[in-house]
Every structure is written in structure tokens, then in C-alpha cells.
Amino acid sequence: MTTSPTVSVIIPLYNQQRYIGDALQSVVQQTFPDWECIIINDGSTDGSRDAALACMQRDSRIRLIDQPNRGLSAARNRGLAEARGRYIQFLDADDCIDKEKLRLQIQALAPAAMPALSYTDYYSTTDDLHSPHSFYLSPRFLTGSPLSELIVRWETQLSIPIHCFLFDSVFFTGHRIRFDEHLPNHEDWDCWMNIFSLKPAICYIDQKLAVYRIHSSSMARNRRQMADGFRMVLIRQRRKHMPSGAAWWLITLKMVMVKYGYHLHMAKNALLKKFGAS
């Protein structure tokens, strides 16, 4: 009889041969050993699969699952379908987690009312894990209304990279929450909205236990594409809330902020270009 692991680490993999070894090494080095790592190879065309396979052959807790290329959300959803753990840790193939992350978060969640989640601070870096990057927005909620903050402060004052979280698996098993595979971007924010709408118990650990790598091949799109995608998910989320409720009005406000924030950014760039500023 196979015993289910405490944590399922889900790694979507698409053409990240250069970085997948670092991500897996950060999982293997965890001081909390009771985990499984599920790699969803989403139709990689480089050497990513071979690199992952080499790691899997050295550690039986790692599983590799192949599927045709269907996108990031579909890969994460496949991982959720395969997961057996009490908790869910998402980790993108080009990021890393601190060796103490799982232990500290499980310890923090142990006395919490369920369903619950834990999240931590993070730092950003470049291709070289030891070279800091300037990007940083605080991940910390400041009030007793995290759902409201998730709407109003997201991407202007607040950012929580996906691997900062450790989730109770009941969000995905009992409540059937998944990543929307039709969204071009902001699928993580959409998922967090669905989770935080359930008013979960929240445990914050004020330590930088997630490493967010920013590099030339990161899945960053241009600002207009990101704004268009954000407006799309805002419209979808607004439909889930009553027009008389606070969330509906806050989402409406955020739609205006996203629209005019994009136009202000474009106007600023046009002025810089016209007057020769760098």
C-alpha cells in the first residue's frame, strides 16, 4: 500500500533545459522530505525532458509526465489531477525555493483552521541565481480583507509569485478550483481570486523563501498584451460577484485603473522617445 506524500510539488515544463536542474535541486534539498514532485512536460522541443529525466532517475520521489503542448495552465491542471499530497506547492521550471520552505510552511499551517494557505516573501534574481534583479513588489497583505487588496493593489503595490504559496489541497479537490486554460495571461491571479473568495485561513511567513528568476526568455509579454489579458480576467471575475457587493465595485475600479494605466505608460514612452530620454 502506497502512502500519500504530505506535499505535491507541481512543475510545468516547457523548453527550460537551462533552468530545470536548479528548480529540481531546490526541491530535492528540502529539509522536509515527505514530498512528491510531478513534472508535466508540456511538449518541450529542447533537452528539457532529458534533463528532468536524469534528475528523476536519481530520486524516486520525482515523476515525469508527458503531454502534447497545451500551455501553462493546462500543465498545472494536469499536475493537480495527478497530485496525491495534503498540500500543493507550485513551482515554475525556471524558479527555485529555499530548502526550508516546505518545513516552515507546514509547521505554520499545522494549527490553522482548514482550508488554509501559507505564503512567504521572495526575492528576484537574473539568470545567475546570485545576481539580484531590481523587480520587487511586496507580497504582504496589509489589512483584514485580502480579497479586496488582491483586486486593488495587484501589480501596482502587491505581487505574490506562484511559488510563494503552499495551499491546502482541498481548494483543488473539494472546491475543484483550476487554472483557466482560455486566459492568455493572469491565470494565476484568476486562480487566487477564486481561492481567496472562500475566505481561507492565511499564514504569512516573513522570510524570503522563494526565488523568482527574471531573464530574457521569461514568459513576459508586452504591456498591451498583459493589459488586455488582465481586462479579460477582470470581466470574468466581475460576473462571479453581485453588482451590489464590494468586490464587484472594486473590480470595476480596477478595470479603469488597468485601462488608463496602460495609456499613461504609452504616453510616457512617447514623450521619452520624442525628447530623446533613455
Protein backbone atom coordinates (compact mmCIF):
# COMPACT_ATOMS: atom_id res chain seq x y z
CA MET A 1 0.00 0.00 0.00
CA THR A 2 1.45 3.34 -1.09
CA THR A 3 1.27 6.17 1.45
CA SER A 4 0.31 9.55 0.08
CA PRO A 5 3.01 12.23 0.49
CA THR A 6 2.42 15.33 2.57
CA VAL A 7 3.28 17.73 -0.28
CA SER A 8 2.84 17.55 -4.03
CA VAL A 9 5.22 19.86 -5.90
CA ILE A 10 3.89 20.60 -9.40
CA ILE A 11 6.34 21.81 -12.06
CA PRO A 12 5.10 22.64 -15.59
CA LEU A 13 7.97 22.22 -18.04
CA TYR A 14 8.28 23.74 -21.48
CA ASN A 15 11.68 24.39 -23.04
CA GLN A 16 13.52 25.20 -19.81
CA GLN A 17 16.52 22.91 -20.24
CA ARG A 18 18.82 25.57 -18.82
CA TYR A 19 16.93 26.04 -15.56
CA ILE A 20 15.01 22.86 -14.70
CA GLY A 21 18.02 21.37 -12.90
CA ASP A 22 18.14 24.30 -10.46
CA ALA A 23 14.40 24.05 -9.79
CA LEU A 24 14.57 20.32 -9.09
CA GLN A 25 17.68 20.68 -6.97
CA SER A 26 15.85 23.20 -4.77
CA VAL A 27 13.10 20.59 -4.24
CA VAL A 28 15.49 17.69 -3.57
CA GLN A 29 17.32 19.80 -0.96
CA GLN A 30 14.19 20.44 1.12
CA THR A 31 14.69 19.73 4.82
CA PHE A 32 11.12 18.39 4.85
CA PRO A 33 11.48 15.10 2.96
CA ASP A 34 7.90 13.84 2.59
CA TRP A 35 7.05 15.18 -0.87
CA GLU A 36 6.41 14.07 -4.41
CA CYS A 37 7.44 16.18 -7.38
CA ILE A 38 5.30 15.97 -10.51
CA ILE A 39 6.88 17.37 -13.66
CA ILE A 40 4.45 17.94 -16.53
CA ASN A 41 6.50 18.04 -19.71
CA ASP A 42 4.26 20.18 -21.92
CA GLY A 43 5.63 19.16 -25.31
CA SER A 44 9.16 20.53 -24.86
CA THR A 45 11.25 20.60 -28.04
CA ASP A 46 14.66 21.19 -26.44
CA GLY A 47 16.54 19.00 -23.98
CA SER A 48 14.22 19.76 -21.04
CA ARG A 49 12.77 16.26 -20.87
CA ASP A 50 16.18 14.59 -20.78
CA ALA A 51 17.37 16.97 -18.06
CA ALA A 52 14.28 16.23 -15.96
CA LEU A 53 14.58 12.51 -16.61
CA ALA A 54 18.17 12.50 -15.34
CA CYS A 55 17.01 14.04 -12.06
CA MET A 56 14.09 11.62 -11.80
CA GLN A 57 16.43 8.64 -12.12
CA ARG A 58 18.37 9.89 -9.08
CA ASP A 59 15.30 10.42 -6.86
CA SER A 60 12.23 8.18 -6.86
CA ARG A 61 10.05 10.97 -5.43
CA ILE A 62 10.17 12.73 -8.83
CA ARG A 63 7.67 11.76 -11.54
CA LEU A 64 7.73 12.86 -15.18
CA ILE A 65 4.53 13.01 -17.20
CA ASP A 66 4.50 13.87 -20.90
CA GLN A 67 1.69 15.61 -22.75
CA PRO A 68 1.37 17.49 -26.06
CA ASN A 69 1.90 21.24 -25.76
CA ARG A 70 -1.29 22.72 -24.27
CA GLY A 71 0.02 25.70 -22.34
CA LEU A 72 0.97 26.61 -18.79
CA SER A 73 -2.50 26.42 -17.24
CA ALA A 74 -3.22 23.02 -18.77
CA ALA A 75 0.11 21.69 -17.48
CA ARG A 76 -0.64 22.91 -13.95
CA ASN A 77 -4.13 21.42 -14.13
CA ARG A 78 -2.69 18.08 -15.23
CA GLY A 79 -0.38 18.23 -12.23
CA LEU A 80 -3.34 18.88 -9.94
CA ALA A 81 -5.13 15.85 -11.40
CA GLU A 82 -2.09 13.69 -10.62
CA ALA A 83 -1.30 15.12 -7.16
CA ARG A 84 -1.75 12.97 -4.04
CA GLY A 85 -0.40 15.33 -1.39
CA ARG A 86 -2.12 17.05 1.53
CA TYR A 87 -0.60 20.33 0.36
CA ILE A 88 0.17 21.75 -3.09
CA GLN A 89 3.36 23.61 -3.98
CA PHE A 90 3.51 25.13 -7.48
CA LEU A 91 6.96 25.79 -8.90
CA ASP A 92 7.77 27.07 -12.38
CA ALA A 93 10.70 25.35 -14.07
CA ASP A 94 12.90 28.47 -14.04
CA ASP A 95 12.36 29.35 -10.36
CA CYS A 96 13.58 27.91 -7.05
CA ILE A 97 12.53 27.58 -3.43
CA ASP A 98 14.59 27.80 -0.25
CA LYS A 99 15.48 24.48 1.38
CA GLU A 100 13.45 25.37 4.50
CA LYS A 101 10.29 26.49 2.70
CA LEU A 102 8.16 23.37 2.96
CA ARG A 103 9.14 22.67 6.56
CA LEU A 104 8.38 26.19 7.77
CA GLN A 105 5.08 26.46 5.92
CA ILE A 106 3.79 23.06 7.03
CA GLN A 107 4.73 23.98 10.59
CA ALA A 108 2.80 27.26 10.24
CA LEU A 109 -0.27 25.55 8.75
CA ALA A 110 -0.46 22.74 11.33
CA PRO A 111 -2.60 24.67 13.88
CA ALA A 112 -4.62 26.61 11.25
CA ALA A 113 -8.30 26.05 10.59
CA MET A 114 -8.77 24.42 7.22
CA PRO A 115 -8.88 25.20 4.39
CA ALA A 116 -5.77 27.30 4.75
CA LEU A 117 -2.81 28.59 2.80
CA SER A 118 0.61 29.90 3.63
CA TYR A 119 2.70 32.37 1.67
CA THR A 120 6.16 33.84 2.06
CA ASP A 121 8.30 36.73 0.94
CA TYR A 122 10.54 36.32 -2.12
CA TYR A 123 13.44 37.90 -3.94
CA SER A 124 14.04 38.32 -7.65
CA THR A 125 17.20 37.42 -9.50
CA THR A 126 18.61 37.11 -13.02
CA ASP A 127 19.89 34.09 -14.95
CA ASP A 128 22.61 33.88 -12.32
CA LEU A 129 20.86 32.97 -9.07
CA HIS A 130 23.35 35.09 -7.15
CA SER A 131 22.72 38.29 -9.13
CA PRO A 132 19.84 40.37 -7.72
CA HIS A 133 17.21 41.89 -10.00
CA SER A 134 15.55 45.24 -9.28
CA PHE A 135 11.96 43.98 -9.57
CA TYR A 136 10.16 43.77 -6.24
CA LEU A 137 6.61 44.42 -5.08
CA SER A 138 5.67 43.41 -1.57
CA PRO A 139 3.70 40.16 -1.30
CA ARG A 140 2.22 41.08 2.07
CA PHE A 141 -1.45 41.84 2.69
CA LEU A 142 -1.86 44.86 4.94
CA THR A 143 -5.49 44.59 6.04
CA GLY A 144 -8.05 42.01 7.10
CA SER A 145 -9.53 42.00 3.60
CA PRO A 146 -7.05 40.15 1.37
CA LEU A 147 -9.59 39.71 -1.44
CA SER A 148 -10.03 43.49 -1.71
CA GLU A 149 -6.27 44.00 -1.69
CA LEU A 150 -5.83 41.32 -4.34
CA ILE A 151 -8.11 43.36 -6.58
CA VAL A 152 -6.98 46.93 -5.90
CA ARG A 153 -3.24 46.56 -5.15
CA TRP A 154 -2.31 43.78 -7.61
CA GLU A 155 0.68 44.68 -9.84
CA THR A 156 0.88 48.23 -8.51
CA GLN A 157 1.76 47.57 -4.87
CA LEU A 158 1.28 43.83 -4.44
CA SER A 159 2.77 40.79 -6.17
CA ILE A 160 2.86 37.18 -4.96
CA PRO A 161 4.81 34.83 -7.24
CA ILE A 162 3.11 31.47 -7.50
CA HIS A 163 5.81 29.55 -5.65
CA CYS A 164 5.47 31.76 -2.56
CA PHE A 165 2.30 29.84 -1.74
CA LEU A 166 1.66 26.49 -0.12
CA PHE A 167 -2.01 25.50 -0.47
CA ASP A 168 -4.24 23.06 1.31
CA SER A 169 -5.13 20.59 -1.46
CA VAL A 170 -8.85 20.85 -0.58
CA PHE A 171 -9.02 24.04 -2.65
CA PHE A 172 -8.40 21.88 -5.71
CA THR A 173 -10.03 18.60 -4.65
CA GLY A 174 -13.07 19.71 -2.65
CA HIS A 175 -13.72 23.04 -4.38
CA ARG A 176 -12.48 21.95 -7.82
CA ILE A 177 -10.58 25.19 -8.44
CA ARG A 178 -8.43 25.10 -11.56
CA PHE A 179 -6.41 27.45 -13.78
CA ASP A 180 -8.47 28.87 -16.65
CA GLU A 181 -6.92 27.44 -19.81
CA HIS A 182 -8.58 30.06 -22.03
CA LEU A 183 -6.81 33.05 -20.48
CA PRO A 184 -3.75 34.43 -22.33
CA ASN A 185 -2.19 35.63 -19.04
CA HIS A 186 -3.14 36.48 -15.43
CA GLU A 187 -4.39 32.93 -14.96
CA ASP A 188 -2.64 32.86 -11.57
CA TRP A 189 -4.46 36.00 -10.36
CA ASP A 190 -7.75 34.48 -11.51
CA CYS A 191 -6.98 31.34 -9.50
CA TRP A 192 -6.04 33.35 -6.40
CA MET A 193 -9.32 35.27 -6.68
CA ASN A 194 -11.26 32.01 -6.65
CA ILE A 195 -9.31 30.77 -3.64
CA PHE A 196 -9.46 33.96 -1.59
CA SER A 197 -13.19 34.28 -2.28
CA LEU A 198 -13.53 31.25 0.02
CA LYS A 199 -12.09 33.31 2.93
CA PRO A 200 -9.37 30.80 3.86
CA ALA A 201 -7.14 30.93 6.91
CA ILE A 202 -3.87 32.63 5.92
CA CYS A 203 -0.39 32.15 7.41
CA TYR A 204 2.31 34.60 6.31
CA ILE A 205 5.99 33.81 6.85
CA ASP A 206 8.13 36.94 6.73
CA GLN A 207 11.15 35.28 5.15
CA LYS A 208 12.38 35.30 1.55
CA LEU A 209 11.82 31.63 0.79
CA ALA A 210 11.04 31.85 -2.94
CA VAL A 211 13.46 32.81 -5.71
CA TYR A 212 11.80 34.50 -8.69
CA ARG A 213 14.05 34.41 -11.74
CA ILE A 214 13.68 37.12 -14.40
CA HIS A 215 15.52 36.51 -17.66
CA SER A 216 15.39 37.23 -21.36
CA SER A 217 13.21 34.20 -22.13
CA SER A 218 10.78 34.74 -19.24
CA MET A 219 7.12 34.42 -20.14
CA ALA A 220 6.73 38.21 -20.12
CA ARG A 221 4.55 39.74 -22.83
CA ASN A 222 4.38 43.35 -23.89
CA ARG A 223 2.46 45.72 -21.69
CA ARG A 224 -0.52 46.00 -24.02
CA GLN A 225 -0.98 42.22 -24.19
CA MET A 226 -0.77 42.00 -20.41
CA ALA A 227 -3.30 44.80 -20.00
CA ASP A 228 -5.69 43.16 -22.47
CA GLY A 229 -5.38 39.85 -20.65
CA PHE A 230 -5.93 41.47 -17.27
CA ARG A 231 -9.09 43.20 -18.50
CA MET A 232 -10.36 39.87 -19.82
CA VAL A 233 -9.98 38.15 -16.47
CA LEU A 234 -11.40 41.16 -14.62
CA ILE A 235 -14.56 40.92 -16.73
CA ARG A 236 -14.82 37.19 -15.95
CA GLN A 237 -14.30 37.74 -12.24
CA ARG A 238 -16.82 40.58 -12.11
CA ARG A 239 -19.51 38.20 -13.40
CA LYS A 240 -18.94 35.99 -10.34
CA HIS A 241 -19.80 38.78 -7.90
CA MET A 242 -23.10 40.50 -7.18
CA PRO A 243 -23.32 44.12 -8.50
CA SER A 244 -24.26 45.27 -5.01
CA GLY A 245 -21.15 43.75 -3.43
CA ALA A 246 -17.83 45.42 -2.64
CA ALA A 247 -15.82 43.05 -4.85
CA TRP A 248 -17.92 43.95 -7.93
CA TRP A 249 -17.24 47.65 -7.45
CA LEU A 250 -13.56 47.14 -6.71
CA ILE A 251 -13.14 45.03 -9.85
CA THR A 252 -14.90 47.76 -11.86
CA LEU A 253 -12.46 50.30 -10.41
CA LYS A 254 -9.52 48.06 -11.24
CA MET A 255 -10.69 47.79 -14.85
CA VAL A 256 -10.46 51.57 -15.12
CA MET A 257 -7.04 51.57 -13.46
CA VAL A 258 -5.71 48.94 -15.87
CA LYS A 259 -7.10 50.75 -18.92
CA TYR A 260 -5.74 54.18 -18.08
CA GLY A 261 -2.54 52.83 -16.56
CA TYR A 262 -1.68 51.34 -19.94
CA HIS A 263 -2.44 54.60 -21.79
CA LEU A 264 -0.37 56.62 -19.31
CA HIS A 265 2.54 54.24 -19.77
CA MET A 266 2.33 54.58 -23.56
CA ALA A 267 2.13 58.38 -23.32
CA LYS A 268 5.20 58.45 -21.07
CA ASN A 269 7.16 56.29 -23.52
CA ALA A 270 6.13 58.51 -26.44
CA LEU A 271 7.40 61.59 -24.61
CA LEU A 272 10.67 59.91 -23.69
CA LYS A 273 11.16 58.88 -27.30
CA LYS A 274 10.31 62.32 -28.67
CA PHE A 275 12.70 64.17 -26.38
CA GLY A 276 15.46 61.61 -26.61
CA ALA A 277 15.40 60.47 -23.00
CA SER A 278 16.61 56.98 -22.23
